[in-house]
Amino acid sequence: MTIEILQTICMQLPGVTEDLKLGDHLCFNVGGKTFLFTGPDSVPATASVKVPDEDFEETLQKECFSPQAYIGRYKWVHIADIGCLTHHEWEFYIKQSYRLIAEKLPGKIKKEIGL
């Protein structure tokens, strides 16, 4: 798994933009809100996504998952090695995180980006 593959998955979703935050974290956003943080310069490369509140504890039981520092309380998980997940799993987690973030966007922004 590579950052480029994650990027491809993200860019297929409506209204996605990317930018650098916190110096070297490639982030993917919808409506100006981040739904995927990546650490492309980490070895191995890492990433973080938001999961549903009810799935948070169960998700943390999986290999390579831990609460994301500082934002774990908002149900963000850190994946210590992006290679731990298959392409199909990445599609699931990225789309889920995207949906969770997009659902909370104001109606005007949703309409502007076609949601």
PDB file of N, CA and C in Angstrom:
ATOM      1  N   MET A   1       0.848  -1.179   0.000  1.00  0.00           N
ATOM      2  CA  MET A   1       0.000   0.000   0.000  1.00  0.00           C
ATOM      3  C   MET A   1       0.891   1.238   0.000  1.00  0.00           C
ATOM      4  N   THR A   2       0.478   2.228  -0.761  1.00  0.00           N
ATOM      5  CA  THR A   2       1.262   3.461  -0.846  1.00  0.00           C
ATOM      6  C   THR A   2       0.355   4.673  -0.588  1.00  0.00           C
ATOM      7  N   ILE A   3       0.988   5.789  -0.291  1.00  0.00           N
ATOM      8  CA  ILE A   3       0.254   7.042  -0.122  1.00  0.00           C
ATOM      9  C   ILE A   3      -0.457   7.399  -1.422  1.00  0.00           C
ATOM     10  N   GLU A   4       0.148   7.093  -2.559  1.00  0.00           N
ATOM     11  CA  GLU A   4      -0.461   7.399  -3.846  1.00  0.00           C
ATOM     12  C   GLU A   4      -1.769   6.641  -4.043  1.00  0.00           C
ATOM     13  N   ILE A   5      -1.835   5.402  -3.565  1.00  0.00           N
ATOM     14  CA  ILE A   5      -3.074   4.630  -3.668  1.00  0.00           C
ATOM     15  C   ILE A   5      -4.146   5.249  -2.769  1.00  0.00           C
ATOM     16  N   LEU A   6      -3.767   5.653  -1.556  1.00  0.00           N
ATOM     17  CA  LEU A   6      -4.722   6.322  -0.666  1.00  0.00           C
ATOM     18  C   LEU A   6      -5.218   7.612  -1.321  1.00  0.00           C
ATOM     19  N   GLN A   7      -4.306   8.328  -1.944  1.00  0.00           N
ATOM     20  CA  GLN A   7      -4.652   9.568  -2.637  1.00  0.00           C
ATOM     21  C   GLN A   7      -5.666   9.294  -3.755  1.00  0.00           C
ATOM     22  N   THR A   8      -5.455   8.256  -4.508  1.00  0.00           N
ATOM     23  CA  THR A   8      -6.365   7.889  -5.595  1.00  0.00           C
ATOM     24  C   THR A   8      -7.753   7.576  -5.056  1.00  0.00           C
ATOM     25  N   ILE A   9      -7.824   6.826  -3.969  1.00  0.00           N
ATOM     26  CA  ILE A   9      -9.116   6.496  -3.358  1.00  0.00           C
ATOM     27  C   ILE A   9      -9.819   7.783  -2.930  1.00  0.00           C
ATOM     28  N   CYS A  10      -9.104   8.663  -2.261  1.00  0.00           N
ATOM     29  CA  CYS A  10      -9.686   9.916  -1.766  1.00  0.00           C
ATOM     30  C   CYS A  10     -10.190  10.800  -2.891  1.00  0.00           C
ATOM     31  N   MET A  11      -9.400  10.932  -3.941  1.00  0.00           N
ATOM     32  CA  MET A  11      -9.729  11.880  -5.001  1.00  0.00           C
ATOM     33  C   MET A  11     -10.919  11.430  -5.851  1.00  0.00           C
ATOM     34  N   GLN A  12     -11.385  10.195  -5.652  1.00  0.00           N
ATOM     35  CA  GLN A  12     -12.579   9.725  -6.356  1.00  0.00           C
ATOM     36  C   GLN A  12     -13.861  10.186  -5.657  1.00  0.00           C
ATOM     37  N   LEU A  13     -13.726  10.727  -4.448  1.00  0.00           N
ATOM     38  CA  LEU A  13     -14.889  11.176  -3.681  1.00  0.00           C
ATOM     39  C   LEU A  13     -15.215  12.630  -4.022  1.00  0.00           C
ATOM     40  N   PRO A  14     -16.500  13.016  -3.978  1.00  0.00           N
ATOM     41  CA  PRO A  14     -16.892  14.380  -4.349  1.00  0.00           C
ATOM     42  C   PRO A  14     -16.314  15.455  -3.438  1.00  0.00           C
ATOM     43  N   GLY A  15     -15.820  16.526  -4.040  1.00  0.00           N
ATOM     44  CA  GLY A  15     -15.395  17.704  -3.294  1.00  0.00           C
ATOM     45  C   GLY A  15     -14.127  17.578  -2.492  1.00  0.00           C
ATOM     46  N   VAL A  16     -13.290  16.590  -2.783  1.00  0.00           N
ATOM     47  CA  VAL A  16     -12.070  16.363  -1.993  1.00  0.00           C
ATOM     48  C   VAL A  16     -10.957  17.303  -2.441  1.00  0.00           C
ATOM     49  N   THR A  17     -10.265  17.852  -1.456  1.00  0.00           N
ATOM     50  CA  THR A  17      -9.066  18.645  -1.688  1.00  0.00           C
ATOM     51  C   THR A  17      -7.961  18.058  -0.823  1.00  0.00           C
ATOM     52  N   GLU A  18      -6.740  18.421  -1.136  1.00  0.00           N
ATOM     53  CA  GLU A  18      -5.620  17.969  -0.314  1.00  0.00           C
ATOM     54  C   GLU A  18      -4.732  19.148   0.011  1.00  0.00           C
ATOM     55  N   ASP A  19      -4.049  19.044   1.151  1.00  0.00           N
ATOM     56  CA  ASP A  19      -3.097  20.068   1.543  1.00  0.00           C
ATOM     57  C   ASP A  19      -2.136  19.497   2.576  1.00  0.00           C
ATOM     58  N   LEU A  20      -1.116  20.283   2.882  1.00  0.00           N
ATOM     59  CA  LEU A  20      -0.158  19.906   3.917  1.00  0.00           C
ATOM     60  C   LEU A  20      -0.526  20.631   5.204  1.00  0.00           C
ATOM     61  N   LYS A  21      -0.555  19.897   6.309  1.00  0.00           N
ATOM     62  CA  LYS A  21      -0.836  20.482   7.617  1.00  0.00           C
ATOM     63  C   LYS A  21       0.226  20.013   8.589  1.00  0.00           C
ATOM     64  N   LEU A  22       0.421  20.795   9.601  1.00  0.00           N
ATOM     65  CA  LEU A  22       1.385  20.450  10.648  1.00  0.00           C
ATOM     66  C   LEU A  22       2.750  20.130  10.055  1.00  0.00           C
ATOM     67  N   GLY A  23       3.112  20.849   9.029  1.00  0.00           N
ATOM     68  CA  GLY A  23       4.438  20.697   8.427  1.00  0.00           C
ATOM     69  C   GLY A  23       4.521  19.666   7.330  1.00  0.00           C
ATOM     70  N   ASP A  24       4.303  18.388   7.671  1.00  0.00           N
ATOM     71  CA  ASP A  24       4.565  17.336   6.690  1.00  0.00           C
ATOM     72  C   ASP A  24       3.459  16.293   6.580  1.00  0.00           C
ATOM     73  N   HIS A  25       2.265  16.614   7.050  1.00  0.00           N
ATOM     74  CA  HIS A  25       1.161  15.666   6.976  1.00  0.00           C
ATOM     75  C   HIS A  25       0.288  15.989   5.763  1.00  0.00           C
ATOM     76  N   LEU A  26       0.261  15.067   4.812  1.00  0.00           N
ATOM     77  CA  LEU A  26      -0.596  15.216   3.651  1.00  0.00           C
ATOM     78  C   LEU A  26      -2.014  14.884   4.105  1.00  0.00           C
ATOM     79  N   CYS A  27      -2.919  15.847   3.975  1.00  0.00           N
ATOM     80  CA  CYS A  27      -4.280  15.698   4.478  1.00  0.00           C
ATOM     81  C   CYS A  27      -5.283  15.796   3.343  1.00  0.00           C
ATOM     82  N   PHE A  28      -6.361  15.048   3.491  1.00  0.00           N
ATOM     83  CA  PHE A  28      -7.435  15.047   2.511  1.00  0.00           C
ATOM     84  C   PHE A  28      -8.682  15.580   3.204  1.00  0.00           C
ATOM     85  N   ASN A  29      -9.349  16.522   2.529  1.00  0.00           N
ATOM     86  CA  ASN A  29     -10.429  17.283   3.145  1.00  0.00           C
ATOM     87  C   ASN A  29     -11.679  17.252   2.289  1.00  0.00           C
ATOM     88  N   VAL A  30     -12.813  17.447   2.963  1.00  0.00           N
ATOM     89  CA  VAL A  30     -14.086  17.666   2.293  1.00  0.00           C
ATOM     90  C   VAL A  30     -14.721  18.872   2.968  1.00  0.00           C
ATOM     91  N   GLY A  31     -15.089  19.871   2.157  1.00  0.00           N
ATOM     92  CA  GLY A  31     -15.670  21.082   2.716  1.00  0.00           C
ATOM     93  C   GLY A  31     -14.758  21.792   3.691  1.00  0.00           C
ATOM     94  N   GLY A  32     -13.450  21.653   3.496  1.00  0.00           N
ATOM     95  CA  GLY A  32     -12.474  22.299   4.371  1.00  0.00           C
ATOM     96  C   GLY A  32     -12.162  21.540   5.646  1.00  0.00           C
ATOM     97  N   LYS A  33     -12.786  20.388   5.853  1.00  0.00           N
ATOM     98  CA  LYS A  33     -12.563  19.576   7.055  1.00  0.00           C
ATOM     99  C   LYS A  33     -11.809  18.302   6.681  1.00  0.00           C
ATOM    100  N   THR A  34     -10.795  17.978   7.449  1.00  0.00           N
ATOM    101  CA  THR A  34      -9.954  16.817   7.159  1.00  0.00           C
ATOM    102  C   THR A  34     -10.654  15.513   7.533  1.00  0.00           C
ATOM    103  N   PHE A  35     -10.562  14.533   6.620  1.00  0.00           N
ATOM    104  CA  PHE A  35     -11.089  13.198   6.918  1.00  0.00           C
ATOM    105  C   PHE A  35      -9.990  12.131   6.872  1.00  0.00           C
ATOM    106  N   LEU A  36      -8.803  12.478   6.369  1.00  0.00           N
ATOM    107  CA  LEU A  36      -7.670  11.552   6.362  1.00  0.00           C
ATOM    108  C   LEU A  36      -6.378  12.344   6.528  1.00  0.00           C
ATOM    109  N   PHE A  37      -5.635  12.010   7.576  1.00  0.00           N
ATOM    110  CA  PHE A  37      -4.293  12.558   7.784  1.00  0.00           C
ATOM    111  C   PHE A  37      -3.318  11.457   7.390  1.00  0.00           C
ATOM    112  N   THR A  38      -2.249  11.797   6.678  1.00  0.00           N
ATOM    113  CA  THR A  38      -1.210  10.802   6.397  1.00  0.00           C
ATOM    114  C   THR A  38       0.141  11.336   6.833  1.00  0.00           C
ATOM    115  N   GLY A  39       1.018  10.418   7.151  1.00  0.00           N
ATOM    116  CA  GLY A  39       2.396  10.744   7.468  1.00  0.00           C
ATOM    117  C   GLY A  39       3.286  10.102   6.417  1.00  0.00           C
ATOM    118  N   PRO A  40       3.347  10.693   5.217  1.00  0.00           N
ATOM    119  CA  PRO A  40       4.080  10.056   4.125  1.00  0.00           C
ATOM    120  C   PRO A  40       5.578   9.947   4.361  1.00  0.00           C
ATOM    121  N   ASP A  41       6.130  10.801   5.217  1.00  0.00           N
ATOM    122  CA  ASP A  41       7.567  10.761   5.466  1.00  0.00           C
ATOM    123  C   ASP A  41       7.941   9.818   6.600  1.00  0.00           C
ATOM    124  N   SER A  42       6.942   9.294   7.293  1.00  0.00           N
ATOM    125  CA  SER A  42       7.211   8.325   8.360  1.00  0.00           C
ATOM    126  C   SER A  42       7.648   7.014   7.733  1.00  0.00           C
ATOM    127  N   VAL A  43       8.414   6.245   8.475  1.00  0.00           N
ATOM    128  CA  VAL A  43       8.822   4.917   8.005  1.00  0.00           C
ATOM    129  C   VAL A  43       8.416   3.922   9.085  1.00  0.00           C
ATOM    130  N   PRO A  44       7.399   3.102   8.797  1.00  0.00           N
ATOM    131  CA  PRO A  44       6.564   3.078   7.590  1.00  0.00           C
ATOM    132  C   PRO A  44       5.592   4.251   7.575  1.00  0.00           C
ATOM    133  N   ALA A  45       4.995   4.496   6.404  1.00  0.00           N
ATOM    134  CA  ALA A  45       4.014   5.571   6.278  1.00  0.00           C
ATOM    135  C   ALA A  45       2.815   5.278   7.175  1.00  0.00           C
ATOM    136  N   THR A  46       2.242   6.337   7.762  1.00  0.00           N
ATOM    137  CA  THR A  46       1.127   6.193   8.695  1.00  0.00           C
ATOM    138  C   THR A  46      -0.080   6.980   8.188  1.00  0.00           C
ATOM    139  N   ALA A  47      -1.209   6.765   8.849  1.00  0.00           N
ATOM    140  CA  ALA A  47      -2.418   7.519   8.500  1.00  0.00           C
ATOM    141  C   ALA A  47      -3.365   7.518   9.698  1.00  0.00           C
ATOM    142  N   SER A  48      -4.325   8.448   9.657  1.00  0.00           N
ATOM    143  CA  SER A  48      -5.353   8.529  10.695  1.00  0.00           C
ATOM    144  C   SER A  48      -6.693   8.828  10.050  1.00  0.00           C
ATOM    145  N   VAL A  49      -7.736   8.163  10.577  1.00  0.00           N
ATOM    146  CA  VAL A  49      -9.099   8.352  10.095  1.00  0.00           C
ATOM    147  C   VAL A  49     -10.055   8.443  11.269  1.00  0.00           C
ATOM    148  N   LYS A  50     -11.225   8.995  11.017  1.00  0.00           N
ATOM    149  CA  LYS A  50     -12.281   9.036  12.024  1.00  0.00           C
ATOM    150  C   LYS A  50     -13.143   7.789  11.862  1.00  0.00           C
ATOM    151  N   VAL A  51     -13.559   7.226  12.994  1.00  0.00           N
ATOM    152  CA  VAL A  51     -14.455   6.066  12.974  1.00  0.00           C
ATOM    153  C   VAL A  51     -15.707   6.400  13.786  1.00  0.00           C
ATOM    154  N   PRO A  52     -16.795   5.678  13.559  1.00  0.00           N
ATOM    155  CA  PRO A  52     -18.008   5.935  14.341  1.00  0.00           C
ATOM    156  C   PRO A  52     -17.757   5.693  15.835  1.00  0.00           C
ATOM    157  N   ASP A  53     -18.402   6.499  16.659  1.00  0.00           N
ATOM    158  CA  ASP A  53     -18.241   6.373  18.113  1.00  0.00           C
ATOM    159  C   ASP A  53     -18.438   4.936  18.569  1.00  0.00           C
ATOM    160  N   GLU A  54     -19.466   4.286  18.049  1.00  0.00           N
ATOM    161  CA  GLU A  54     -19.804   2.937  18.503  1.00  0.00           C
ATOM    162  C   GLU A  54     -18.795   1.879  18.054  1.00  0.00           C
ATOM    163  N   ASP A  55     -17.957   2.184  17.075  1.00  0.00           N
ATOM    164  CA  ASP A  55     -16.961   1.228  16.569  1.00  0.00           C
ATOM    165  C   ASP A  55     -15.551   1.498  17.087  1.00  0.00           C
ATOM    166  N   PHE A  56     -15.373   2.586  17.806  1.00  0.00           N
ATOM    167  CA  PHE A  56     -14.035   3.026  18.203  1.00  0.00           C
ATOM    168  C   PHE A  56     -13.273   1.954  18.983  1.00  0.00           C
ATOM    169  N   GLU A  57     -13.835   1.452  20.061  1.00  0.00           N
ATOM    170  CA  GLU A  57     -13.130   0.476  20.910  1.00  0.00           C
ATOM    171  C   GLU A  57     -12.821  -0.806  20.150  1.00  0.00           C
ATOM    172  N   GLU A  58     -13.761  -1.273  19.360  1.00  0.00           N
ATOM    173  CA  GLU A  58     -13.546  -2.487  18.574  1.00  0.00           C
ATOM    174  C   GLU A  58     -12.435  -2.283  17.544  1.00  0.00           C
ATOM    175  N   THR A  59     -12.424  -1.120  16.902  1.00  0.00           N
ATOM    176  CA  THR A  59     -11.401  -0.816  15.901  1.00  0.00           C
ATOM    177  C   THR A  59     -10.016  -0.811  16.527  1.00  0.00           C
ATOM    178  N   LEU A  60      -9.917  -0.325  17.754  1.00  0.00           N
ATOM    179  CA  LEU A  60      -8.615  -0.272  18.428  1.00  0.00           C
ATOM    180  C   LEU A  60      -8.035  -1.655  18.710  1.00  0.00           C
ATOM    181  N   GLN A  61      -8.855  -2.685  18.672  1.00  0.00           N
ATOM    182  CA  GLN A  61      -8.387  -4.053  18.916  1.00  0.00           C
ATOM    183  C   GLN A  61      -7.662  -4.640  17.712  1.00  0.00           C
ATOM    184  N   LYS A  62      -7.782  -3.992  16.568  1.00  0.00           N
ATOM    185  CA  LYS A  62      -7.167  -4.501  15.344  1.00  0.00           C
ATOM    186  C   LYS A  62      -5.684  -4.159  15.303  1.00  0.00           C
ATOM    187  N   GLU A  63      -4.946  -5.004  14.601  1.00  0.00           N
ATOM    188  CA  GLU A  63      -3.500  -4.806  14.451  1.00  0.00           C
ATOM    189  C   GLU A  63      -3.213  -3.458  13.796  1.00  0.00           C
ATOM    190  N   CYS A  64      -2.209  -2.762  14.304  1.00  0.00           N
ATOM    191  CA  CYS A  64      -1.720  -1.478  13.783  1.00  0.00           C
ATOM    192  C   CYS A  64      -2.567  -0.271  14.179  1.00  0.00           C
ATOM    193  N   PHE A  65      -3.693  -0.456  14.868  1.00  0.00           N
ATOM    194  CA  PHE A  65      -4.567   0.659  15.239  1.00  0.00           C
ATOM    195  C   PHE A  65      -4.303   1.104  16.679  1.00  0.00           C
ATOM    196  N   SER A  66      -4.359   2.418  16.889  1.00  0.00           N
ATOM    197  CA  SER A  66      -4.268   2.994  18.238  1.00  0.00           C
ATOM    198  C   SER A  66      -5.020   4.326  18.214  1.00  0.00           C
ATOM    199  N   PRO A  67      -5.358   4.868  19.394  1.00  0.00           N
ATOM    200  CA  PRO A  67      -6.008   6.180  19.389  1.00  0.00           C
ATOM    201  C   PRO A  67      -5.035   7.224  18.838  1.00  0.00           C
ATOM    202  N   GLN A  68      -5.525   8.119  18.017  1.00  0.00           N
ATOM    203  CA  GLN A  68      -4.682   9.189  17.479  1.00  0.00           C
ATOM    204  C   GLN A  68      -4.399  10.199  18.582  1.00  0.00           C
ATOM    205  N   ALA A  69      -3.139  10.535  18.763  1.00  0.00           N
ATOM    206  CA  ALA A  69      -2.750  11.517  19.776  1.00  0.00           C
ATOM    207  C   ALA A  69      -3.539  12.805  19.586  1.00  0.00           C
ATOM    208  N   TYR A  70      -3.939  13.378  20.691  1.00  0.00           N
ATOM    209  CA  TYR A  70      -4.662  14.652  20.755  1.00  0.00           C
ATOM    210  C   TYR A  70      -6.113  14.590  20.273  1.00  0.00           C
ATOM    211  N   ILE A  71      -6.422  13.816  19.245  1.00  0.00           N
ATOM    212  CA  ILE A  71      -7.800  13.796  18.743  1.00  0.00           C
ATOM    213  C   ILE A  71      -8.465  12.427  18.888  1.00  0.00           C
ATOM    214  N   GLY A  72      -7.830  11.510  19.579  1.00  0.00           N
ATOM    215  CA  GLY A  72      -8.428  10.200  19.829  1.00  0.00           C
ATOM    216  C   GLY A  72      -9.753  10.318  20.558  1.00  0.00           C
ATOM    217  N   ARG A  73      -9.879  11.330  21.404  1.00  0.00           N
ATOM    218  CA  ARG A  73     -11.134  11.506  22.148  1.00  0.00           C
ATOM    219  C   ARG A  73     -12.307  11.827  21.215  1.00  0.00           C
ATOM    220  N   TYR A  74     -12.004  12.244  19.990  1.00  0.00           N
ATOM    221  CA  TYR A  74     -13.048  12.503  18.988  1.00  0.00           C
ATOM    222  C   TYR A  74     -13.219  11.300  18.059  1.00  0.00           C
ATOM    223  N   LYS A  75     -12.691  10.158  18.484  1.00  0.00           N
ATOM    224  CA  LYS A  75     -12.819   8.869  17.779  1.00  0.00           C
ATOM    225  C   LYS A  75     -12.012   8.812  16.486  1.00  0.00           C
ATOM    226  N   TRP A  76     -10.815   9.378  16.551  1.00  0.00           N
ATOM    227  CA  TRP A  76      -9.862   9.254  15.455  1.00  0.00           C
ATOM    228  C   TRP A  76      -8.883   8.141  15.816  1.00  0.00           C
ATOM    229  N   VAL A  77      -8.565   7.292  14.839  1.00  0.00           N
ATOM    230  CA  VAL A  77      -7.602   6.215  15.059  1.00  0.00           C
ATOM    231  C   VAL A  77      -6.375   6.430  14.180  1.00  0.00           C
ATOM    232  N   HIS A  78      -5.253   5.996  14.699  1.00  0.00           N
ATOM    233  CA  HIS A  78      -3.969   6.077  14.010  1.00  0.00           C
ATOM    234  C   HIS A  78      -3.628   4.681  13.511  1.00  0.00           C
ATOM    235  N   ILE A  79      -3.221   4.589  12.261  1.00  0.00           N
ATOM    236  CA  ILE A  79      -2.772   3.323  11.689  1.00  0.00           C
ATOM    237  C   ILE A  79      -1.260   3.433  11.543  1.00  0.00           C
ATOM    238  N   ALA A  80      -0.542   2.619  12.310  1.00  0.00           N
ATOM    239  CA  ALA A  80       0.911   2.738  12.429  1.00  0.00           C
ATOM    240  C   ALA A  80       1.666   2.379  11.154  1.00  0.00           C
ATOM    241  N   ASP A  81       1.031   1.634  10.267  1.00  0.00           N
ATOM    242  CA  ASP A  81       1.667   1.234   9.007  1.00  0.00           C
ATOM    243  C   ASP A  81       0.548   1.070   7.980  1.00  0.00           C
ATOM    244  N   ILE A  82       0.532   1.909   6.957  1.00  0.00           N
ATOM    245  CA  ILE A  82      -0.553   1.828   5.981  1.00  0.00           C
ATOM    246  C   ILE A  82      -0.584   0.482   5.265  1.00  0.00           C
ATOM    247  N   GLY A  83       0.518  -0.247   5.313  1.00  0.00           N
ATOM    248  CA  GLY A  83       0.580  -1.569   4.700  1.00  0.00           C
ATOM    249  C   GLY A  83      -0.167  -2.638   5.474  1.00  0.00           C
ATOM    250  N   CYS A  84      -0.627  -2.323   6.684  1.00  0.00           N
ATOM    251  CA  CYS A  84      -1.380  -3.289   7.494  1.00  0.00           C
ATOM    252  C   CYS A  84      -2.781  -3.546   6.947  1.00  0.00           C
ATOM    253  N   LEU A  85      -3.272  -2.646   6.110  1.00  0.00           N
ATOM    254  CA  LEU A  85      -4.622  -2.778   5.589  1.00  0.00           C
ATOM    255  C   LEU A  85      -4.588  -3.066   4.093  1.00  0.00           C
ATOM    256  N   THR A  86      -5.575  -3.825   3.641  1.00  0.00           N
ATOM    257  CA  THR A  86      -5.701  -4.120   2.216  1.00  0.00           C
ATOM    258  C   THR A  86      -6.332  -2.923   1.497  1.00  0.00           C
ATOM    259  N   HIS A  87      -6.295  -2.956   0.201  1.00  0.00           N
ATOM    260  CA  HIS A  87      -6.920  -1.904  -0.600  1.00  0.00           C
ATOM    261  C   HIS A  87      -8.405  -1.805  -0.247  1.00  0.00           C
ATOM    262  N   HIS A  88      -9.068  -2.934  -0.141  1.00  0.00           N
ATOM    263  CA  HIS A  88     -10.496  -2.952   0.199  1.00  0.00           C
ATOM    264  C   HIS A  88     -10.744  -2.344   1.585  1.00  0.00           C
ATOM    265  N   GLU A  89      -9.909  -2.676   2.552  1.00  0.00           N
ATOM    266  CA  GLU A  89     -10.058  -2.107   3.898  1.00  0.00           C
ATOM    267  C   GLU A  89      -9.843  -0.599   3.869  1.00  0.00           C
ATOM    268  N   TRP A  90      -8.857  -0.142   3.108  1.00  0.00           N
ATOM    269  CA  TRP A  90      -8.611   1.294   2.999  1.00  0.00           C
ATOM    270  C   TRP A  90      -9.802   2.002   2.377  1.00  0.00           C
ATOM    271  N   GLU A  91     -10.385   1.426   1.338  1.00  0.00           N
ATOM    272  CA  GLU A  91     -11.578   2.028   0.746  1.00  0.00           C
ATOM    273  C   GLU A  91     -12.671   2.176   1.796  1.00  0.00           C
ATOM    274  N   PHE A  92     -12.868   1.137   2.606  1.00  0.00           N
ATOM    275  CA  PHE A  92     -13.883   1.179   3.646  1.00  0.00           C
ATOM    276  C   PHE A  92     -13.604   2.298   4.653  1.00  0.00           C
ATOM    277  N   TYR A  93     -12.395   2.331   5.222  1.00  0.00           N
ATOM    278  CA  TYR A  93     -12.083   3.317   6.261  1.00  0.00           C
ATOM    279  C   TYR A  93     -12.066   4.752   5.725  1.00  0.00           C
ATOM    280  N   ILE A  94     -11.567   4.943   4.520  1.00  0.00           N
ATOM    281  CA  ILE A  94     -11.544   6.291   3.936  1.00  0.00           C
ATOM    282  C   ILE A  94     -12.965   6.777   3.668  1.00  0.00           C
ATOM    283  N   LYS A  95     -13.779   5.932   3.044  1.00  0.00           N
ATOM    284  CA  LYS A  95     -15.151   6.339   2.745  1.00  0.00           C
ATOM    285  C   LYS A  95     -15.964   6.564   4.015  1.00  0.00           C
ATOM    286  N   GLN A  96     -15.726   5.748   5.025  1.00  0.00           N
ATOM    287  CA  GLN A  96     -16.424   5.915   6.300  1.00  0.00           C
ATOM    288  C   GLN A  96     -16.042   7.238   6.957  1.00  0.00           C
ATOM    289  N   SER A  97     -14.758   7.537   6.998  1.00  0.00           N
ATOM    290  CA  SER A  97     -14.286   8.784   7.598  1.00  0.00           C
ATOM    291  C   SER A  97     -14.815   9.982   6.809  1.00  0.00           C
ATOM    292  N   TYR A  98     -14.764   9.899   5.500  1.00  0.00           N
ATOM    293  CA  TYR A  98     -15.298  10.952   4.627  1.00  0.00           C
ATOM    294  C   TYR A  98     -16.770  11.212   4.962  1.00  0.00           C
ATOM    295  N   ARG A  99     -17.558  10.141   5.041  1.00  0.00           N
ATOM    296  CA  ARG A  99     -18.985  10.263   5.324  1.00  0.00           C
ATOM    297  C   ARG A  99     -19.227  10.912   6.684  1.00  0.00           C
ATOM    298  N   LEU A 100     -18.474  10.474   7.706  1.00  0.00           N
ATOM    299  CA  LEU A 100     -18.644  11.036   9.052  1.00  0.00           C
ATOM    300  C   LEU A 100     -18.355  12.536   9.082  1.00  0.00           C
ATOM    301  N   ILE A 101     -17.337  12.958   8.363  1.00  0.00           N
ATOM    302  CA  ILE A 101     -16.987  14.384   8.323  1.00  0.00           C
ATOM    303  C   ILE A 101     -17.990  15.149   7.455  1.00  0.00           C
ATOM    304  N   ALA A 102     -18.329  14.610   6.296  1.00  0.00           N
ATOM    305  CA  ALA A 102     -19.235  15.295   5.373  1.00  0.00           C
ATOM    306  C   ALA A 102     -20.626  15.478   5.971  1.00  0.00           C
ATOM    307  N   GLU A 103     -21.078  14.512   6.759  1.00  0.00           N
ATOM    308  CA  GLU A 103     -22.409  14.608   7.369  1.00  0.00           C
ATOM    309  C   GLU A 103     -22.561  15.835   8.252  1.00  0.00           C
ATOM    310  N   LYS A 104     -21.474  16.303   8.840  1.00  0.00           N
ATOM    311  CA  LYS A 104     -21.530  17.427   9.772  1.00  0.00           C
ATOM    312  C   LYS A 104     -21.304  18.787   9.114  1.00  0.00           C
ATOM    313  N   LEU A 105     -21.082  18.788   7.817  1.00  0.00           N
ATOM    314  CA  LEU A 105     -20.881  20.048   7.108  1.00  0.00           C
ATOM    315  C   LEU A 105     -22.201  20.816   7.020  1.00  0.00           C
ATOM    316  N   PRO A 106     -22.125  22.144   7.023  1.00  0.00           N
ATOM    317  CA  PRO A 106     -23.338  22.946   6.827  1.00  0.00           C
ATOM    318  C   PRO A 106     -23.968  22.646   5.459  1.00  0.00           C
ATOM    319  N   GLY A 107     -25.292  22.777   5.383  1.00  0.00           N
ATOM    320  CA  GLY A 107     -26.025  22.498   4.150  1.00  0.00           C
ATOM    321  C   GLY A 107     -25.513  23.266   2.948  1.00  0.00           C
ATOM    322  N   LYS A 108     -25.148  24.521   3.148  1.00  0.00           N
ATOM    323  CA  LYS A 108     -24.656  25.351   2.044  1.00  0.00           C
ATOM    324  C   LYS A 108     -23.379  24.756   1.442  1.00  0.00           C
ATOM    325  N   ILE A 109     -22.477  24.309   2.289  1.00  0.00           N
ATOM    326  CA  ILE A 109     -21.222  23.728   1.800  1.00  0.00           C
ATOM    327  C   ILE A 109     -21.496  22.386   1.107  1.00  0.00           C
ATOM    328  N   LYS A 110     -22.366  21.579   1.688  1.00  0.00           N
ATOM    329  CA  LYS A 110     -22.729  20.299   1.045  1.00  0.00           C
ATOM    330  C   LYS A 110     -23.258  20.552  -0.372  1.00  0.00           C
ATOM    331  N   LYS A 111     -24.107  21.538  -0.496  1.00  0.00           N
ATOM    332  CA  LYS A 111     -24.695  21.843  -1.800  1.00  0.00           C
ATOM    333  C   LYS A 111     -23.612  22.310  -2.778  1.00  0.00           C
ATOM    334  N   GLU A 112     -22.670  23.134  -2.309  1.00  0.00           N
ATOM    335  CA  GLU A 112     -21.601  23.636  -3.175  1.00  0.00           C
ATOM    336  C   GLU A 112     -20.716  22.524  -3.732  1.00  0.00           C
ATOM    337  N   ILE A 113     -20.513  21.474  -2.935  1.00  0.00           N
ATOM    338  CA  ILE A 113     -19.628  20.392  -3.389  1.00  0.00           C
ATOM    339  C   ILE A 113     -20.402  19.189  -3.935  1.00  0.00           C
ATOM    340  N   GLY A 114     -21.709  19.331  -4.023  1.00  0.00           N
ATOM    341  CA  GLY A 114     -22.525  18.292  -4.655  1.00  0.00           C
ATOM    342  C   GLY A 114     -22.866  17.115  -3.770  1.00  0.00           C
ATOM    343  N   LEU A 115     -23.009  17.352  -2.491  1.00  0.00           N
ATOM    344  CA  LEU A 115     -23.399  16.258  -1.577  1.00  0.00           C
ATOM    345  C   LEU A 115     -24.858  16.350  -1.218  1.00  0.00           C
TER     346      LEU A 115
END
